[in-house]
Each structure stands twice: as C-alpha cells, then as structure tokens.
Amino acid sequence: MPGRPYDAANVATIDGAKFREVSELVFARQMAKTSDKAFSEKELVGKFKPKGQTPLELLVFQSVLGPIGMPATEAVYPAVSTYDGKPINAMHDYVIRMTADELPPTDVFWSLTLYDLQNGFFIPNDRKKYSVGENAGMKLDDGGGIAVYIAAEQPEGVPEENWLPINRKDEDMDVILRIYVPDLEKLKTWVPPTAERVEND
C-alpha cells in the first residue's frame, strides 16, 4: 500500500508459468484479429488513449504486448502484415512497398522497425541495423516512394539504407511501423503497407 513500509512477506506470489500461459493465449487470440479491418482501426489508436478511455479488451492486449507507447496524437504503431496473413518468417525474404501517396500520414517522421515475434527484441545482425526511416536512414525512389527489403543478403540494386538484414532461420518476425505525430484525420482512410514475400528461394 502507498505510504506503508515494504513487507516482502505480504507480497502475493505470482505463478509465472500460468501468467505466461494466459499471456500467450491472449496474444494468439488478439493477433488473429489483426486482419480484421474494424479491429485494426480501433486497436491503432485505442490502446493509447488517456486513462479511463481505453476499452478493456485493448487494455488487456496492450498489457500482454508491452504497456509502452505515447498518446495517439503523438505516435501510432501499426503492424505490417503479409498478404495471406501468415507470419513474416526469416526463412524467406520480403519487400514492403509504398508509393509517395501511400507513405504514412505525418509531417514529422516515420520508421519501420524489425523485431523477433516471440520476445519482441531486435534481431541481432552484423550491421546493427534494426529500422528504416527518416531517423534511421532511407532513400526514396524517383517517384517519392520506397521499397524496404527484409532479407538475409542485400538485394542487388537496393540501397543499404532500405535493407533490414535478417539471419536465415525458422524465426517469426514482427515489423512495426511507427508514425510520429500522425495526421489522425488522414489516418482514418490510410492503409498500412503489406509485406510481400520475395520468390527467390
């Protein structure tokens, strides 16, 4: 209790195994909904509303994923999915394409960051490169768009700035698009990019 001395003897014991089991169940159920457009739109800004305004379902989802984030007026974090809804896996290479008109709606900056899906950590690589964006380096094409490659080797003709290196192994990955100070009005009709598997394996 606030204002009282800490007493370890009165601290409740947490069943770590059960806690993980329930967390993984919530994660699996909620991730299955991410292909649902209505849920994704609600989830995009709903997790980062002021205290008391976040729906219980999204509050639980956020607590499992990690309760870290700024208010939606300052940043939103849409996930990048695949066309078929299957996880992005390091056994394959992928490309995420956006035309100039499809770039995230912000006048500040955005970035694409790669994590391992199981633990939510950066994926180690020799270049220590984990994201592509205005803050991490990127190169737009002549039309103002961009193609970001997730690949074990730098694809020929692709600028290093637009390449996210991976280790070739059976590991599911998560790509998060961070949009800082988004235009929330434009965000209502904007569609996040999709990762396309590169058929070269």
N, C-alpha and C. Protein backbone atom coordinates (compact mmCIF):
# COMPACT_ATOMS: atom_id res chain seq x y z
N MET A 1 0.84 -1.20 0.00
CA MET A 1 0.00 0.00 0.00
C MET A 1 0.88 1.25 0.00
N PRO A 2 0.45 2.29 -0.70
CA PRO A 2 1.22 3.53 -0.72
C PRO A 2 1.38 4.10 0.69
N GLY A 3 2.60 4.55 1.02
CA GLY A 3 2.85 5.16 2.31
C GLY A 3 3.20 4.20 3.41
N ARG A 4 3.15 2.90 3.12
CA ARG A 4 3.49 1.90 4.14
C ARG A 4 4.82 1.25 3.81
N PRO A 5 5.55 0.78 4.83
CA PRO A 5 6.83 0.11 4.59
C PRO A 5 6.64 -1.16 3.76
N TYR A 6 7.62 -1.46 2.93
CA TYR A 6 7.56 -2.66 2.09
C TYR A 6 7.76 -3.90 2.96
N ASP A 7 6.88 -4.87 2.82
CA ASP A 7 6.96 -6.12 3.58
C ASP A 7 6.90 -7.27 2.59
N ALA A 8 8.04 -7.91 2.33
CA ALA A 8 8.11 -8.99 1.35
C ALA A 8 7.21 -10.16 1.70
N ALA A 9 6.96 -10.35 2.98
CA ALA A 9 6.13 -11.49 3.42
C ALA A 9 4.68 -11.34 2.98
N ASN A 10 4.27 -10.11 2.72
CA ASN A 10 2.87 -9.88 2.34
C ASN A 10 2.68 -9.70 0.83
N VAL A 11 3.74 -9.92 0.06
CA VAL A 11 3.63 -9.79 -1.39
C VAL A 11 3.07 -11.08 -1.98
N ALA A 12 2.07 -10.94 -2.81
CA ALA A 12 1.44 -12.11 -3.42
C ALA A 12 2.43 -12.85 -4.32
N THR A 13 2.32 -14.17 -4.32
CA THR A 13 3.18 -14.99 -5.17
C THR A 13 2.56 -15.09 -6.56
N ILE A 14 3.38 -14.87 -7.58
CA ILE A 14 2.90 -14.95 -8.96
C ILE A 14 3.30 -16.28 -9.56
N ASP A 15 2.33 -16.97 -10.13
CA ASP A 15 2.60 -18.23 -10.84
C ASP A 15 3.08 -17.87 -12.24
N GLY A 16 4.41 -17.84 -12.41
CA GLY A 16 4.99 -17.40 -13.67
C GLY A 16 4.54 -18.23 -14.86
N ALA A 17 4.46 -19.54 -14.68
CA ALA A 17 4.07 -20.43 -15.77
C ALA A 17 2.63 -20.14 -16.21
N LYS A 18 1.74 -19.95 -15.23
CA LYS A 18 0.35 -19.67 -15.55
C LYS A 18 0.21 -18.29 -16.20
N PHE A 19 0.98 -17.35 -15.69
CA PHE A 19 0.97 -16.00 -16.23
C PHE A 19 1.36 -16.01 -17.70
N ARG A 20 2.41 -16.77 -18.03
CA ARG A 20 2.87 -16.87 -19.42
C ARG A 20 1.83 -17.59 -20.28
N GLU A 21 1.22 -18.62 -19.72
CA GLU A 21 0.22 -19.38 -20.48
C GLU A 21 -0.95 -18.49 -20.89
N VAL A 22 -1.44 -17.70 -19.94
CA VAL A 22 -2.57 -16.82 -20.23
C VAL A 22 -2.15 -15.71 -21.19
N SER A 23 -0.94 -15.18 -21.01
CA SER A 23 -0.45 -14.12 -21.90
C SER A 23 -0.37 -14.61 -23.34
N GLU A 24 0.15 -15.83 -23.52
CA GLU A 24 0.28 -16.38 -24.87
C GLU A 24 -1.10 -16.64 -25.48
N LEU A 25 -2.06 -17.03 -24.66
CA LEU A 25 -3.42 -17.25 -25.15
C LEU A 25 -4.05 -15.94 -25.61
N VAL A 26 -3.90 -14.89 -24.80
CA VAL A 26 -4.43 -13.58 -25.17
C VAL A 26 -3.76 -13.08 -26.44
N PHE A 27 -2.43 -13.24 -26.50
CA PHE A 27 -1.67 -12.79 -27.67
C PHE A 27 -2.16 -13.49 -28.93
N ALA A 28 -2.33 -14.82 -28.86
CA ALA A 28 -2.76 -15.58 -30.03
C ALA A 28 -4.15 -15.16 -30.49
N ARG A 29 -5.06 -15.00 -29.54
CA ARG A 29 -6.44 -14.63 -29.88
C ARG A 29 -6.50 -13.22 -30.49
N GLN A 30 -5.76 -12.29 -29.90
CA GLN A 30 -5.82 -10.93 -30.38
C GLN A 30 -5.10 -10.76 -31.71
N MET A 31 -3.96 -11.44 -31.87
CA MET A 31 -3.24 -11.35 -33.13
C MET A 31 -4.05 -11.91 -34.28
N ALA A 32 -4.90 -12.88 -33.99
CA ALA A 32 -5.75 -13.46 -35.03
C ALA A 32 -6.74 -12.43 -35.56
N LYS A 33 -6.99 -11.37 -34.78
CA LYS A 33 -7.94 -10.35 -35.18
C LYS A 33 -7.32 -9.24 -36.01
N THR A 34 -5.99 -9.22 -36.09
CA THR A 34 -5.35 -8.08 -36.74
C THR A 34 -5.66 -7.98 -38.22
N SER A 35 -6.14 -9.06 -38.82
CA SER A 35 -6.54 -8.99 -40.22
C SER A 35 -7.94 -8.40 -40.38
N ASP A 36 -8.64 -8.23 -39.24
CA ASP A 36 -9.97 -7.63 -39.26
C ASP A 36 -9.81 -6.11 -39.28
N LYS A 37 -10.28 -5.48 -40.35
CA LYS A 37 -10.04 -4.04 -40.53
C LYS A 37 -10.64 -3.20 -39.40
N ALA A 38 -11.86 -3.55 -38.97
CA ALA A 38 -12.50 -2.77 -37.91
C ALA A 38 -11.71 -2.85 -36.62
N PHE A 39 -11.23 -4.06 -36.28
CA PHE A 39 -10.44 -4.20 -35.06
C PHE A 39 -9.13 -3.44 -35.18
N SER A 40 -8.48 -3.54 -36.34
CA SER A 40 -7.20 -2.89 -36.52
C SER A 40 -7.32 -1.37 -36.39
N GLU A 41 -8.41 -0.81 -36.94
CA GLU A 41 -8.62 0.62 -36.83
C GLU A 41 -8.83 1.04 -35.38
N LYS A 42 -9.60 0.23 -34.63
CA LYS A 42 -9.84 0.52 -33.22
C LYS A 42 -8.55 0.35 -32.41
N GLU A 43 -7.79 -0.70 -32.73
CA GLU A 43 -6.57 -1.01 -32.00
C GLU A 43 -5.49 0.02 -32.24
N LEU A 44 -5.46 0.60 -33.44
CA LEU A 44 -4.39 1.51 -33.82
C LEU A 44 -4.29 2.71 -32.88
N VAL A 45 -5.42 3.31 -32.54
CA VAL A 45 -5.40 4.47 -31.65
C VAL A 45 -5.99 4.15 -30.28
N GLY A 46 -6.76 3.09 -30.18
CA GLY A 46 -7.47 2.79 -28.94
C GLY A 46 -6.58 2.42 -27.78
N LYS A 47 -5.42 1.82 -28.07
CA LYS A 47 -4.53 1.39 -26.99
C LYS A 47 -3.84 2.55 -26.31
N PHE A 48 -3.83 3.70 -26.94
CA PHE A 48 -3.05 4.81 -26.42
C PHE A 48 -3.90 6.04 -26.14
N LYS A 49 -5.08 5.79 -25.60
CA LYS A 49 -5.95 6.88 -25.18
C LYS A 49 -5.67 7.20 -23.70
N PRO A 50 -6.15 8.35 -23.23
CA PRO A 50 -5.92 8.70 -21.82
C PRO A 50 -6.53 7.68 -20.86
N LYS A 51 -6.05 7.70 -19.63
CA LYS A 51 -6.51 6.78 -18.59
C LYS A 51 -8.03 6.81 -18.48
N GLY A 52 -8.62 5.63 -18.46
CA GLY A 52 -10.07 5.52 -18.33
C GLY A 52 -10.81 5.50 -19.64
N GLN A 53 -10.11 5.78 -20.76
CA GLN A 53 -10.77 5.82 -22.07
C GLN A 53 -10.40 4.64 -22.96
N THR A 54 -9.48 3.79 -22.50
CA THR A 54 -9.07 2.63 -23.28
C THR A 54 -10.02 1.47 -23.00
N PRO A 55 -10.64 0.88 -24.03
CA PRO A 55 -11.54 -0.26 -23.82
C PRO A 55 -10.81 -1.41 -23.14
N LEU A 56 -11.52 -2.17 -22.30
CA LEU A 56 -10.90 -3.24 -21.53
C LEU A 56 -10.20 -4.26 -22.41
N GLU A 57 -10.83 -4.63 -23.54
CA GLU A 57 -10.23 -5.61 -24.45
C GLU A 57 -8.86 -5.15 -24.94
N LEU A 58 -8.75 -3.86 -25.30
CA LEU A 58 -7.48 -3.34 -25.79
C LEU A 58 -6.49 -3.13 -24.65
N LEU A 59 -6.99 -2.85 -23.45
CA LEU A 59 -6.12 -2.70 -22.30
C LEU A 59 -5.41 -4.01 -21.99
N VAL A 60 -6.15 -5.13 -22.07
CA VAL A 60 -5.56 -6.45 -21.86
C VAL A 60 -4.54 -6.75 -22.95
N PHE A 61 -4.90 -6.46 -24.20
CA PHE A 61 -4.00 -6.69 -25.33
C PHE A 61 -2.70 -5.91 -25.14
N GLN A 62 -2.83 -4.65 -24.74
CA GLN A 62 -1.66 -3.80 -24.55
C GLN A 62 -0.77 -4.33 -23.43
N SER A 63 -1.37 -4.81 -22.35
CA SER A 63 -0.58 -5.30 -21.22
C SER A 63 0.22 -6.54 -21.59
N VAL A 64 -0.27 -7.32 -22.55
CA VAL A 64 0.45 -8.52 -22.99
C VAL A 64 1.57 -8.13 -23.96
N LEU A 65 1.25 -7.22 -24.89
CA LEU A 65 2.25 -6.81 -25.88
C LEU A 65 3.37 -5.99 -25.25
N GLY A 66 3.03 -5.23 -24.23
CA GLY A 66 4.01 -4.34 -23.60
C GLY A 66 3.41 -2.97 -23.44
N PRO A 67 3.17 -2.53 -22.22
CA PRO A 67 2.47 -1.25 -21.97
C PRO A 67 3.37 -0.04 -22.17
N ILE A 68 3.92 0.09 -23.37
CA ILE A 68 4.79 1.22 -23.66
C ILE A 68 4.28 1.89 -24.93
N GLY A 69 4.05 3.18 -24.84
CA GLY A 69 3.60 3.90 -26.02
C GLY A 69 3.15 5.29 -25.64
N MET A 70 3.15 6.18 -26.60
CA MET A 70 2.72 7.55 -26.37
C MET A 70 1.27 7.70 -26.79
N PRO A 71 0.61 8.78 -26.40
CA PRO A 71 -0.76 9.03 -26.84
C PRO A 71 -0.84 9.02 -28.37
N ALA A 72 -1.99 8.63 -28.90
CA ALA A 72 -2.14 8.50 -30.35
C ALA A 72 -1.90 9.82 -31.08
N THR A 73 -2.09 10.94 -30.40
CA THR A 73 -1.82 12.22 -31.04
C THR A 73 -0.32 12.41 -31.28
N GLU A 74 0.51 11.68 -30.54
CA GLU A 74 1.96 11.80 -30.67
C GLU A 74 2.57 10.67 -31.49
N ALA A 75 1.99 9.48 -31.43
CA ALA A 75 2.54 8.35 -32.19
C ALA A 75 1.53 7.22 -32.25
N VAL A 76 1.53 6.51 -33.38
CA VAL A 76 0.76 5.27 -33.52
C VAL A 76 1.70 4.21 -34.07
N TYR A 77 1.35 2.94 -33.85
CA TYR A 77 2.28 1.85 -34.15
C TYR A 77 1.59 0.73 -34.93
N PRO A 78 1.19 0.96 -36.15
CA PRO A 78 0.53 -0.11 -36.91
C PRO A 78 1.50 -1.23 -37.28
N ALA A 79 1.04 -2.47 -37.13
CA ALA A 79 1.85 -3.62 -37.53
C ALA A 79 1.73 -3.83 -39.03
N VAL A 80 2.78 -4.38 -39.61
CA VAL A 80 2.78 -4.70 -41.04
C VAL A 80 2.52 -6.19 -41.19
N SER A 81 1.46 -6.55 -41.88
CA SER A 81 1.12 -7.95 -42.06
C SER A 81 1.47 -8.41 -43.48
N THR A 82 1.27 -9.69 -43.75
CA THR A 82 1.50 -10.23 -45.09
C THR A 82 0.17 -10.32 -45.83
N TYR A 83 0.23 -10.53 -47.14
CA TYR A 83 -0.99 -10.62 -47.94
C TYR A 83 -1.87 -11.79 -47.51
N ASP A 84 -1.23 -12.91 -47.14
CA ASP A 84 -2.01 -14.10 -46.77
C ASP A 84 -2.22 -14.22 -45.27
N GLY A 85 -1.73 -13.27 -44.49
CA GLY A 85 -1.93 -13.29 -43.05
C GLY A 85 -0.95 -14.18 -42.30
N LYS A 86 -0.05 -14.86 -43.02
CA LYS A 86 0.93 -15.71 -42.34
C LYS A 86 2.03 -14.85 -41.73
N PRO A 87 2.66 -15.33 -40.64
CA PRO A 87 3.74 -14.55 -40.03
C PRO A 87 4.89 -14.32 -41.00
N ILE A 88 5.57 -13.21 -40.85
CA ILE A 88 6.79 -12.95 -41.60
C ILE A 88 7.87 -13.83 -40.98
N ASN A 89 8.49 -14.68 -41.78
CA ASN A 89 9.44 -15.66 -41.26
C ASN A 89 10.80 -15.50 -41.93
N ALA A 90 11.85 -15.63 -41.13
CA ALA A 90 13.21 -15.38 -41.62
C ALA A 90 13.72 -16.44 -42.60
N MET A 91 12.93 -17.47 -42.87
CA MET A 91 13.31 -18.42 -43.91
C MET A 91 13.09 -17.83 -45.30
N HIS A 92 12.42 -16.68 -45.37
CA HIS A 92 12.11 -16.04 -46.65
C HIS A 92 12.48 -14.56 -46.61
N ASP A 93 12.59 -13.96 -47.78
CA ASP A 93 12.81 -12.53 -47.90
C ASP A 93 11.49 -11.84 -48.23
N TYR A 94 11.39 -10.56 -47.88
CA TYR A 94 10.15 -9.80 -48.09
C TYR A 94 10.47 -8.39 -48.56
N VAL A 95 9.48 -7.78 -49.18
CA VAL A 95 9.60 -6.38 -49.56
C VAL A 95 8.33 -5.65 -49.15
N ILE A 96 8.50 -4.45 -48.64
CA ILE A 96 7.38 -3.59 -48.24
C ILE A 96 7.44 -2.36 -49.14
N ARG A 97 6.43 -2.19 -49.99
CA ARG A 97 6.44 -1.09 -50.95
C ARG A 97 5.40 -0.04 -50.59
N MET A 98 5.78 1.22 -50.75
CA MET A 98 4.85 2.34 -50.58
C MET A 98 5.13 3.37 -51.65
N THR A 99 4.09 3.79 -52.36
CA THR A 99 4.24 4.90 -53.30
C THR A 99 4.26 6.19 -52.50
N ALA A 100 4.53 7.30 -53.16
CA ALA A 100 4.56 8.59 -52.47
C ALA A 100 3.22 8.88 -51.79
N ASP A 101 2.12 8.48 -52.45
CA ASP A 101 0.79 8.72 -51.89
C ASP A 101 0.46 7.77 -50.75
N GLU A 102 1.20 6.67 -50.64
CA GLU A 102 0.92 5.66 -49.62
C GLU A 102 1.80 5.80 -48.38
N LEU A 103 2.72 6.76 -48.39
CA LEU A 103 3.59 6.95 -47.23
C LEU A 103 2.75 7.33 -46.00
N PRO A 104 3.23 7.00 -44.81
CA PRO A 104 2.47 7.29 -43.58
C PRO A 104 2.10 8.77 -43.47
N PRO A 105 0.87 9.06 -43.02
CA PRO A 105 0.40 10.45 -42.94
C PRO A 105 0.98 11.21 -41.75
N THR A 106 2.12 11.85 -41.95
CA THR A 106 2.75 12.66 -40.92
C THR A 106 3.67 13.69 -41.57
N ASP A 107 3.80 14.84 -40.93
CA ASP A 107 4.74 15.85 -41.38
C ASP A 107 6.01 15.81 -40.54
N VAL A 108 6.09 14.86 -39.61
CA VAL A 108 7.25 14.74 -38.73
C VAL A 108 8.15 13.65 -39.25
N PHE A 109 8.01 12.39 -38.77
CA PHE A 109 8.76 11.30 -39.37
C PHE A 109 8.15 9.96 -39.00
N TRP A 110 8.56 8.93 -39.72
CA TRP A 110 8.09 7.57 -39.50
C TRP A 110 9.26 6.62 -39.65
N SER A 111 9.08 5.39 -39.17
CA SER A 111 10.12 4.37 -39.34
C SER A 111 9.49 2.98 -39.32
N LEU A 112 10.17 2.04 -39.98
CA LEU A 112 9.80 0.61 -39.94
C LEU A 112 10.86 -0.09 -39.11
N THR A 113 10.44 -0.82 -38.07
CA THR A 113 11.38 -1.49 -37.18
C THR A 113 11.08 -2.97 -37.12
N LEU A 114 12.14 -3.78 -37.14
CA LEU A 114 12.02 -5.24 -37.19
C LEU A 114 12.34 -5.85 -35.83
N TYR A 115 11.47 -6.76 -35.36
CA TYR A 115 11.66 -7.46 -34.09
C TYR A 115 11.44 -8.96 -34.29
N ASP A 116 11.92 -9.76 -33.34
CA ASP A 116 11.51 -11.16 -33.34
C ASP A 116 10.12 -11.22 -32.69
N LEU A 117 9.24 -12.01 -33.27
CA LEU A 117 7.84 -12.02 -32.84
C LEU A 117 7.66 -12.62 -31.44
N GLN A 118 8.47 -13.62 -31.10
CA GLN A 118 8.29 -14.32 -29.84
C GLN A 118 8.57 -13.44 -28.63
N ASN A 119 9.66 -12.68 -28.68
CA ASN A 119 10.08 -11.93 -27.49
C ASN A 119 10.01 -10.42 -27.66
N GLY A 120 9.86 -9.95 -28.90
CA GLY A 120 9.77 -8.52 -29.12
C GLY A 120 11.09 -7.79 -29.05
N PHE A 121 12.21 -8.51 -29.33
CA PHE A 121 13.53 -7.89 -29.29
C PHE A 121 14.03 -7.62 -30.71
N PHE A 122 15.01 -6.71 -30.82
CA PHE A 122 15.70 -6.54 -32.09
C PHE A 122 16.36 -7.86 -32.48
N ILE A 123 16.49 -8.10 -33.79
CA ILE A 123 17.15 -9.30 -34.28
C ILE A 123 18.62 -8.96 -34.53
N PRO A 124 19.55 -9.58 -33.79
CA PRO A 124 20.97 -9.22 -33.93
C PRO A 124 21.46 -9.40 -35.37
N ASN A 125 22.27 -8.46 -35.84
CA ASN A 125 22.90 -8.58 -37.15
C ASN A 125 24.21 -7.80 -37.13
N ASP A 126 25.13 -8.17 -38.02
CA ASP A 126 26.47 -7.58 -38.03
C ASP A 126 26.45 -6.07 -38.24
N ARG A 127 25.45 -5.58 -38.95
CA ARG A 127 25.40 -4.14 -39.24
C ARG A 127 24.73 -3.33 -38.14
N LYS A 128 24.17 -4.04 -37.17
CA LYS A 128 23.45 -3.38 -36.07
C LYS A 128 22.40 -2.41 -36.63
N LYS A 129 21.69 -2.89 -37.63
CA LYS A 129 20.65 -2.09 -38.28
C LYS A 129 19.30 -2.74 -38.00
N TYR A 130 18.38 -1.97 -37.43
CA TYR A 130 17.11 -2.53 -36.98
C TYR A 130 15.89 -1.80 -37.52
N SER A 131 16.10 -0.68 -38.19
CA SER A 131 14.95 0.05 -38.71
C SER A 131 15.32 0.85 -39.96
N VAL A 132 14.27 1.20 -40.70
CA VAL A 132 14.40 2.06 -41.88
C VAL A 132 13.44 3.22 -41.69
N GLY A 133 13.92 4.42 -41.94
CA GLY A 133 13.05 5.59 -41.79
C GLY A 133 13.87 6.85 -41.80
N GLU A 134 13.18 7.96 -41.64
CA GLU A 134 13.86 9.25 -41.70
C GLU A 134 14.87 9.43 -40.57
N ASN A 135 14.62 8.76 -39.44
CA ASN A 135 15.55 8.88 -38.32
C ASN A 135 16.66 7.83 -38.38
N ALA A 136 16.46 6.76 -39.15
CA ALA A 136 17.44 5.67 -39.21
C ALA A 136 18.14 5.59 -40.55
N GLY A 137 17.68 6.39 -41.49
CA GLY A 137 18.25 6.36 -42.83
C GLY A 137 17.32 5.67 -43.81
N MET A 138 17.07 6.29 -44.96
CA MET A 138 16.28 5.69 -46.01
C MET A 138 16.51 6.46 -47.30
N LYS A 139 16.18 5.84 -48.42
CA LYS A 139 16.28 6.51 -49.71
C LYS A 139 14.98 6.32 -50.47
N LEU A 140 14.32 7.43 -50.79
CA LEU A 140 13.10 7.37 -51.59
C LEU A 140 13.48 7.21 -53.05
N ASP A 141 12.58 6.61 -53.83
CA ASP A 141 12.84 6.47 -55.26
C ASP A 141 12.51 7.76 -55.99
N ASP A 142 12.69 7.77 -57.30
CA ASP A 142 12.48 8.99 -58.08
C ASP A 142 11.05 9.50 -57.99
N GLY A 143 10.10 8.59 -57.72
CA GLY A 143 8.71 9.00 -57.61
C GLY A 143 8.30 9.39 -56.21
N GLY A 144 9.24 9.34 -55.26
CA GLY A 144 8.93 9.72 -53.88
C GLY A 144 8.45 8.57 -53.02
N GLY A 145 8.42 7.36 -53.59
CA GLY A 145 8.01 6.19 -52.81
C GLY A 145 9.23 5.45 -52.27
N ILE A 146 8.98 4.26 -51.74
CA ILE A 146 10.09 3.49 -51.17
C ILE A 146 9.76 2.00 -51.20
N ALA A 147 10.82 1.20 -51.33
CA ALA A 147 10.71 -0.26 -51.20
C ALA A 147 11.71 -0.68 -50.14
N VAL A 148 11.23 -1.25 -49.05
CA VAL A 148 12.08 -1.69 -47.95
C VAL A 148 12.18 -3.21 -48.00
N TYR A 149 13.40 -3.72 -48.03
CA TYR A 149 13.62 -5.16 -48.14
C TYR A 149 14.06 -5.76 -46.80
N ILE A 150 13.40 -6.85 -46.44
CA ILE A 150 13.79 -7.66 -45.28
C ILE A 150 14.43 -8.90 -45.88
N ALA A 151 15.74 -9.03 -45.76
CA ALA A 151 16.43 -10.09 -46.50
C ALA A 151 17.73 -10.49 -45.82
N ALA A 152 18.14 -11.74 -46.07
CA ALA A 152 19.38 -12.26 -45.49
C ALA A 152 20.60 -11.62 -46.15
N GLU A 153 20.49 -11.29 -47.44
CA GLU A 153 21.56 -10.62 -48.17
C GLU A 153 21.00 -9.35 -48.79
N GLN A 154 21.83 -8.33 -48.90
CA GLN A 154 21.38 -7.09 -49.52
C GLN A 154 21.04 -7.34 -50.98
N PRO A 155 19.78 -7.11 -51.37
CA PRO A 155 19.39 -7.34 -52.77
C PRO A 155 20.13 -6.41 -53.72
N GLU A 156 20.42 -6.92 -54.89
CA GLU A 156 21.13 -6.11 -55.89
C GLU A 156 20.31 -4.88 -56.27
N GLY A 157 20.96 -3.74 -56.28
CA GLY A 157 20.29 -2.51 -56.67
C GLY A 157 19.50 -1.83 -55.56
N VAL A 158 19.46 -2.45 -54.37
CA VAL A 158 18.71 -1.88 -53.25
C VAL A 158 19.67 -1.10 -52.35
N PRO A 159 19.39 0.18 -52.08
CA PRO A 159 20.28 0.94 -51.19
C PRO A 159 20.37 0.28 -49.81
N GLU A 160 21.54 0.31 -49.22
CA GLU A 160 21.71 -0.29 -47.90
C GLU A 160 20.76 0.31 -46.87
N GLU A 161 20.45 1.60 -47.06
CA GLU A 161 19.54 2.26 -46.12
C GLU A 161 18.16 1.61 -46.11
N ASN A 162 17.76 1.00 -47.22
CA ASN A 162 16.43 0.41 -47.34
C ASN A 162 16.41 -1.10 -47.09
N TRP A 163 17.48 -1.62 -46.53
CA TRP A 163 17.61 -3.06 -46.30
C TRP A 163 17.64 -3.36 -44.80
N LEU A 164 16.73 -4.25 -44.36
CA LEU A 164 16.73 -4.75 -42.99
C LEU A 164 17.31 -6.15 -43.00
N PRO A 165 18.54 -6.35 -42.48
CA PRO A 165 19.19 -7.66 -42.51
C PRO A 165 18.55 -8.65 -41.54
N ILE A 166 18.48 -9.91 -41.96
CA ILE A 166 17.97 -10.98 -41.10
C ILE A 166 18.92 -12.17 -41.16
N ASN A 167 18.79 -13.07 -40.19
CA ASN A 167 19.53 -14.33 -40.19
C ASN A 167 18.62 -15.41 -40.75
N ARG A 168 19.11 -16.19 -41.69
CA ARG A 168 18.29 -17.20 -42.33
C ARG A 168 18.05 -18.37 -41.37
N LYS A 169 16.89 -18.36 -40.72
CA LYS A 169 16.49 -19.44 -39.82
C LYS A 169 14.99 -19.38 -39.63
N ASP A 170 14.44 -20.43 -39.05
CA ASP A 170 12.99 -20.51 -38.86
C ASP A 170 12.60 -19.66 -37.65
N GLU A 171 12.37 -18.38 -37.90
CA GLU A 171 12.04 -17.44 -36.83
C GLU A 171 10.99 -16.46 -37.33
N ASP A 172 9.86 -16.39 -36.63
CA ASP A 172 8.82 -15.44 -36.99
C ASP A 172 9.23 -14.03 -36.56
N MET A 173 8.89 -13.07 -37.39
CA MET A 173 9.30 -11.69 -37.14
C MET A 173 8.10 -10.76 -37.14
N ASP A 174 8.31 -9.59 -36.56
CA ASP A 174 7.26 -8.59 -36.44
C ASP A 174 7.80 -7.26 -36.95
N VAL A 175 7.09 -6.64 -37.88
CA VAL A 175 7.51 -5.33 -38.40
C VAL A 175 6.51 -4.29 -37.91
N ILE A 176 7.02 -3.34 -37.15
CA ILE A 176 6.18 -2.28 -36.61
C ILE A 176 6.49 -0.96 -37.32
N LEU A 177 5.43 -0.32 -37.79
CA LEU A 177 5.56 1.00 -38.41
C LEU A 177 5.24 2.04 -37.35
N ARG A 178 6.20 2.88 -37.04
CA ARG A 178 6.00 3.95 -36.06
C ARG A 178 5.74 5.26 -36.81
N ILE A 179 4.60 5.87 -36.53
CA ILE A 179 4.25 7.13 -37.17
C ILE A 179 4.17 8.20 -36.09
N TYR A 180 5.08 9.14 -36.12
CA TYR A 180 5.14 10.15 -35.08
C TYR A 180 4.36 11.41 -35.47
N VAL A 181 3.56 11.89 -34.52
CA VAL A 181 2.63 13.00 -34.73
C VAL A 181 1.83 12.75 -36.01
N PRO A 182 1.04 11.69 -36.03
CA PRO A 182 0.28 11.36 -37.24
C PRO A 182 -0.85 12.35 -37.49
N ASP A 183 -1.24 12.44 -38.75
CA ASP A 183 -2.43 13.20 -39.11
C ASP A 183 -3.61 12.25 -38.88
N LEU A 184 -4.27 12.39 -37.73
CA LEU A 184 -5.30 11.43 -37.34
C LEU A 184 -6.50 11.44 -38.28
N GLU A 185 -6.74 12.56 -38.95
CA GLU A 185 -7.85 12.62 -39.90
C GLU A 185 -7.51 11.79 -41.13
N LYS A 186 -6.30 11.96 -41.67
CA LYS A 186 -5.87 11.17 -42.82
C LYS A 186 -5.71 9.69 -42.45
N LEU A 187 -5.37 9.45 -41.19
CA LEU A 187 -5.15 8.08 -40.73
C LEU A 187 -6.42 7.23 -40.85
N LYS A 188 -7.59 7.89 -40.85
CA LYS A 188 -8.87 7.17 -40.93
C LYS A 188 -9.02 6.43 -42.25
N THR A 189 -8.43 6.94 -43.32
CA THR A 189 -8.56 6.31 -44.63
C THR A 189 -7.24 5.71 -45.13
N TRP A 190 -6.15 6.02 -44.45
CA TRP A 190 -4.83 5.49 -44.84
C TRP A 190 -4.75 4.00 -44.55
N VAL A 191 -4.12 3.26 -45.45
CA VAL A 191 -4.00 1.81 -45.29
C VAL A 191 -2.53 1.45 -45.07
N PRO A 192 -2.19 0.74 -43.97
CA PRO A 192 -0.79 0.36 -43.74
C PRO A 192 -0.27 -0.52 -44.87
N PRO A 193 1.03 -0.49 -45.13
CA PRO A 193 1.60 -1.32 -46.19
C PRO A 193 1.59 -2.79 -45.81
N THR A 194 1.77 -3.62 -46.80
CA THR A 194 1.78 -5.06 -46.60
C THR A 194 3.12 -5.63 -47.05
N ALA A 195 3.62 -6.62 -46.32
CA ALA A 195 4.88 -7.27 -46.68
C ALA A 195 4.61 -8.35 -47.71
N GLU A 196 5.34 -8.28 -48.81
CA GLU A 196 5.20 -9.24 -49.90
C GLU A 196 6.41 -10.18 -49.91
N ARG A 197 6.16 -11.45 -49.91
CA ARG A 197 7.26 -12.42 -49.94
C ARG A 197 7.96 -12.38 -51.30
N VAL A 198 9.28 -12.33 -51.28
CA VAL A 198 10.07 -12.32 -52.50
C VAL A 198 10.35 -13.76 -52.91
N GLU A 199 9.89 -14.15 -54.08
CA GLU A 199 10.01 -15.54 -54.52
C GLU A 199 11.35 -15.80 -55.17
N ASN A 200 12.38 -15.81 -54.35
CA ASN A 200 13.71 -16.14 -54.88
C ASN A 200 14.37 -17.27 -54.10
N ASP A 201 13.52 -18.04 -53.35
CA ASP A 201 14.07 -19.13 -52.54
C ASP A 201 13.36 -20.42 -52.83
